[in-house]
C-alpha cells in the first residue's frame, strides 16, 4: 500500500465526503485537512500547499505518495493505492 496519503477537503463537499469514505473502506490511514475549518494564517498556508499541487485549487485534492488526484476518482485512487 502507498504511504504518505494526505487529503485536502472541505467539510461541506460531497465529493470530499465520498473520498473519505472510500479511503476508510480501503482501510488506509491518511491525514485529512478540512481547509474550510481552518482560519487565518493556517488556512492561507494550506491553500498555498493546495495551489502548488492543484493550481485550480479545487477539492478534494488527494496526494498519494507523489501522485495528485483531484476530485473523487475511485479508479485512480485504487490504482495509486496499489502503487
N, C-alpha and C. Protein backbone atom coordinates (compact mmCIF):
# COMPACT_ATOMS: atom_id res chain seq x y z
N UNK A 1 0.84 -1.20 0.00
CA UNK A 1 0.00 0.00 0.00
C UNK A 1 0.88 1.26 0.00
N UNK A 2 0.36 2.27 -0.61
CA UNK A 2 1.09 3.53 -0.67
C UNK A 2 1.14 4.18 0.72
N UNK A 3 2.16 4.96 0.93
CA UNK A 3 2.27 5.67 2.20
C UNK A 3 2.15 7.16 1.92
N UNK A 4 2.16 7.94 3.00
CA UNK A 4 2.07 9.40 2.87
C UNK A 4 0.83 9.82 2.09
N UNK A 5 -0.31 9.54 2.63
CA UNK A 5 -1.56 9.93 1.99
C UNK A 5 -2.13 11.14 2.71
N UNK A 6 -2.42 12.17 1.93
CA UNK A 6 -2.97 13.40 2.52
C UNK A 6 -4.14 13.85 1.68
N UNK A 7 -5.23 14.18 2.35
CA UNK A 7 -6.43 14.64 1.69
C UNK A 7 -6.72 16.08 2.11
N UNK A 8 -6.84 16.95 1.12
CA UNK A 8 -7.28 18.32 1.36
C UNK A 8 -8.75 18.36 0.98
N UNK A 9 -9.61 18.71 1.94
CA UNK A 9 -11.04 18.61 1.72
C UNK A 9 -11.78 19.81 2.28
N UNK A 10 -13.08 19.85 1.96
CA UNK A 10 -13.99 20.84 2.54
C UNK A 10 -15.05 20.05 3.31
N UNK A 11 -15.46 20.55 4.45
CA UNK A 11 -16.43 19.83 5.28
C UNK A 11 -17.79 19.73 4.61
N UNK A 12 -18.10 20.64 3.70
CA UNK A 12 -19.43 20.69 3.07
C UNK A 12 -19.48 20.00 1.71
N UNK A 13 -18.38 19.41 1.27
CA UNK A 13 -18.27 18.86 -0.09
C UNK A 13 -18.60 17.38 -0.12
N UNK A 14 -19.60 17.00 -0.92
CA UNK A 14 -20.00 15.59 -1.03
C UNK A 14 -18.89 14.74 -1.65
N UNK A 15 -18.14 15.29 -2.60
CA UNK A 15 -17.05 14.53 -3.23
C UNK A 15 -15.93 14.28 -2.22
N UNK A 16 -15.70 15.26 -1.35
CA UNK A 16 -14.70 15.09 -0.28
C UNK A 16 -15.17 13.99 0.67
N UNK A 17 -16.44 14.02 1.02
CA UNK A 17 -17.00 13.03 1.93
C UNK A 17 -16.90 11.62 1.31
N UNK A 18 -17.21 11.53 0.02
CA UNK A 18 -17.10 10.24 -0.68
C UNK A 18 -15.65 9.73 -0.69
N UNK A 19 -14.71 10.64 -0.87
CA UNK A 19 -13.30 10.26 -0.87
C UNK A 19 -12.90 9.73 0.50
N UNK A 20 -13.30 10.42 1.56
CA UNK A 20 -13.00 9.97 2.92
C UNK A 20 -13.58 8.58 3.17
N UNK A 21 -14.84 8.39 2.77
CA UNK A 21 -15.49 7.09 2.98
C UNK A 21 -14.78 5.98 2.20
N UNK A 22 -14.37 6.29 0.97
CA UNK A 22 -13.69 5.29 0.16
C UNK A 22 -12.34 4.91 0.77
N UNK A 23 -11.58 5.91 1.23
CA UNK A 23 -10.29 5.61 1.86
C UNK A 23 -10.49 4.76 3.11
N UNK A 24 -11.55 5.05 3.85
CA UNK A 24 -11.86 4.27 5.05
C UNK A 24 -12.20 2.83 4.66
N UNK A 25 -13.01 2.65 3.61
CA UNK A 25 -13.35 1.32 3.10
C UNK A 25 -12.10 0.53 2.70
N UNK A 26 -11.12 1.24 2.15
CA UNK A 26 -9.88 0.61 1.71
C UNK A 26 -8.97 0.28 2.91
N UNK A 27 -9.33 0.81 4.07
CA UNK A 27 -8.56 0.53 5.28
C UNK A 27 -7.21 1.21 5.34
N UNK A 28 -7.08 2.35 4.65
CA UNK A 28 -5.79 3.06 4.66
C UNK A 28 -5.84 4.23 5.64
N UNK A 29 -4.68 4.49 6.22
CA UNK A 29 -4.57 5.65 7.10
C UNK A 29 -4.15 6.84 6.26
N UNK A 30 -4.69 7.99 6.60
CA UNK A 30 -4.36 9.19 5.84
C UNK A 30 -4.54 10.41 6.73
N UNK A 31 -3.86 11.48 6.34
CA UNK A 31 -4.04 12.77 7.01
C UNK A 31 -5.09 13.53 6.24
N UNK A 32 -6.03 14.11 6.95
CA UNK A 32 -7.06 14.91 6.30
C UNK A 32 -7.01 16.33 6.83
N UNK A 33 -7.00 17.28 5.92
CA UNK A 33 -7.05 18.69 6.28
C UNK A 33 -8.37 19.25 5.74
N UNK A 34 -9.27 19.59 6.65
CA UNK A 34 -10.51 20.26 6.25
C UNK A 34 -10.21 21.75 6.14
N UNK A 35 -9.94 22.18 4.92
CA UNK A 35 -9.45 23.53 4.67
C UNK A 35 -10.42 24.59 5.16
N UNK A 36 -11.73 24.37 4.99
CA UNK A 36 -12.70 25.38 5.41
C UNK A 36 -12.85 25.47 6.93
N UNK A 37 -12.26 24.53 7.66
CA UNK A 37 -12.31 24.58 9.13
C UNK A 37 -11.13 25.37 9.69
N UNK A 38 -10.17 25.70 8.83
CA UNK A 38 -9.00 26.47 9.26
C UNK A 38 -9.29 27.96 9.17
N UNK A 39 -8.48 28.73 9.90
CA UNK A 39 -8.65 30.19 9.84
C UNK A 39 -7.29 30.87 9.76
N UNK A 40 -7.33 32.09 9.32
CA UNK A 40 -6.14 32.94 9.32
C UNK A 40 -4.95 32.37 8.59
N UNK A 41 -3.77 32.46 9.25
CA UNK A 41 -2.51 32.03 8.64
C UNK A 41 -2.51 30.55 8.29
N UNK A 42 -3.11 29.72 9.17
CA UNK A 42 -3.16 28.28 8.90
C UNK A 42 -3.86 28.01 7.58
N UNK A 43 -4.98 28.68 7.39
CA UNK A 43 -5.76 28.48 6.16
C UNK A 43 -4.97 28.95 4.94
N UNK A 44 -4.35 30.11 5.04
CA UNK A 44 -3.56 30.66 3.92
C UNK A 44 -2.42 29.71 3.56
N UNK A 45 -1.74 29.18 4.57
CA UNK A 45 -0.61 28.28 4.35
C UNK A 45 -1.07 27.01 3.62
N UNK A 46 -2.18 26.43 4.07
CA UNK A 46 -2.69 25.21 3.45
C UNK A 46 -3.18 25.48 2.03
N UNK A 47 -3.83 26.62 1.81
CA UNK A 47 -4.28 26.96 0.46
C UNK A 47 -3.10 27.09 -0.50
N UNK A 48 -1.98 27.62 -0.01
CA UNK A 48 -0.77 27.71 -0.84
C UNK A 48 -0.27 26.30 -1.19
N UNK A 49 -0.30 25.38 -0.22
CA UNK A 49 0.10 23.99 -0.46
C UNK A 49 -0.78 23.39 -1.56
N UNK A 50 -2.09 23.59 -1.44
CA UNK A 50 -3.03 23.03 -2.40
C UNK A 50 -2.77 23.60 -3.78
N UNK A 51 -2.54 24.90 -3.88
CA UNK A 51 -2.30 25.55 -5.18
C UNK A 51 -1.05 25.00 -5.87
N UNK A 52 -0.03 24.63 -5.09
CA UNK A 52 1.18 24.04 -5.67
C UNK A 52 0.87 22.67 -6.27
N UNK A 53 -0.02 21.93 -5.62
CA UNK A 53 -0.38 20.59 -6.07
C UNK A 53 -1.44 20.63 -7.17
N UNK A 54 -2.36 21.56 -7.03
CA UNK A 54 -3.54 21.65 -7.89
C UNK A 54 -3.82 23.14 -8.12
N UNK A 55 -3.22 23.72 -9.16
CA UNK A 55 -3.33 25.17 -9.40
C UNK A 55 -4.76 25.71 -9.43
N UNK A 56 -5.74 24.88 -9.79
CA UNK A 56 -7.12 25.37 -9.80
C UNK A 56 -7.73 25.39 -8.40
N UNK A 57 -7.01 24.80 -7.44
CA UNK A 57 -7.40 24.84 -6.03
C UNK A 57 -8.84 24.34 -5.81
N UNK A 58 -9.12 23.16 -6.36
CA UNK A 58 -10.44 22.56 -6.20
C UNK A 58 -10.33 21.36 -5.25
N UNK A 59 -11.47 20.92 -4.77
CA UNK A 59 -11.49 19.87 -3.75
C UNK A 59 -12.41 18.73 -4.16
N UNK A 60 -12.10 17.52 -3.70
CA UNK A 60 -10.94 17.15 -2.89
C UNK A 60 -9.66 17.11 -3.73
N UNK A 61 -8.55 17.40 -3.06
CA UNK A 61 -7.23 17.21 -3.64
C UNK A 61 -6.56 16.15 -2.78
N UNK A 62 -6.28 15.02 -3.38
CA UNK A 62 -5.72 13.87 -2.66
C UNK A 62 -4.30 13.61 -3.13
N UNK A 63 -3.39 13.46 -2.18
CA UNK A 63 -1.99 13.18 -2.51
C UNK A 63 -1.66 11.79 -1.97
N UNK A 64 -1.29 10.90 -2.89
CA UNK A 64 -0.88 9.55 -2.51
C UNK A 64 0.54 9.38 -3.02
N UNK A 65 1.49 9.40 -2.10
CA UNK A 65 2.90 9.37 -2.50
C UNK A 65 3.22 10.61 -3.30
N UNK A 66 3.65 10.43 -4.56
CA UNK A 66 3.97 11.59 -5.40
C UNK A 66 2.87 11.85 -6.43
N UNK A 67 1.73 11.22 -6.22
CA UNK A 67 0.62 11.36 -7.17
C UNK A 67 -0.48 12.25 -6.61
N UNK A 68 -0.98 13.15 -7.44
CA UNK A 68 -2.05 14.06 -7.03
C UNK A 68 -3.32 13.69 -7.80
N UNK A 69 -4.40 13.46 -7.06
CA UNK A 69 -5.69 13.13 -7.67
C UNK A 69 -6.68 14.21 -7.26
N UNK A 70 -7.28 14.84 -8.25
CA UNK A 70 -8.25 15.91 -7.99
C UNK A 70 -9.65 15.38 -8.26
N UNK A 71 -10.53 15.54 -7.28
CA UNK A 71 -11.88 15.04 -7.42
C UNK A 71 -11.97 13.62 -6.88
N UNK A 72 -13.19 13.11 -6.80
CA UNK A 72 -13.38 11.74 -6.33
C UNK A 72 -13.31 10.81 -7.52
N UNK A 73 -12.12 10.27 -7.75
CA UNK A 73 -11.87 9.38 -8.87
C UNK A 73 -11.45 8.02 -8.33
N UNK A 74 -12.46 7.20 -8.07
CA UNK A 74 -12.27 5.91 -7.42
C UNK A 74 -11.21 5.05 -8.11
N UNK A 75 -11.28 4.95 -9.44
CA UNK A 75 -10.32 4.13 -10.18
C UNK A 75 -8.88 4.62 -10.00
N UNK A 76 -8.70 5.93 -10.06
CA UNK A 76 -7.35 6.50 -9.90
C UNK A 76 -6.85 6.29 -8.48
N UNK A 77 -7.74 6.44 -7.51
CA UNK A 77 -7.35 6.25 -6.10
C UNK A 77 -6.92 4.81 -5.89
N UNK A 78 -7.73 3.87 -6.40
CA UNK A 78 -7.42 2.46 -6.25
C UNK A 78 -6.06 2.11 -6.87
N UNK A 79 -5.84 2.64 -8.07
CA UNK A 79 -4.58 2.40 -8.78
C UNK A 79 -3.39 2.97 -7.99
N UNK A 80 -3.56 4.18 -7.48
CA UNK A 80 -2.47 4.83 -6.73
C UNK A 80 -2.19 4.08 -5.42
N UNK A 81 -3.21 3.56 -4.78
CA UNK A 81 -3.02 2.81 -3.54
C UNK A 81 -2.25 1.51 -3.78
N UNK A 82 -2.46 0.91 -4.94
CA UNK A 82 -1.73 -0.33 -5.28
C UNK A 82 -0.26 -0.04 -5.54
N UNK A 83 0.02 1.16 -6.08
CA UNK A 83 1.36 1.55 -6.48
C UNK A 83 2.31 1.52 -5.35
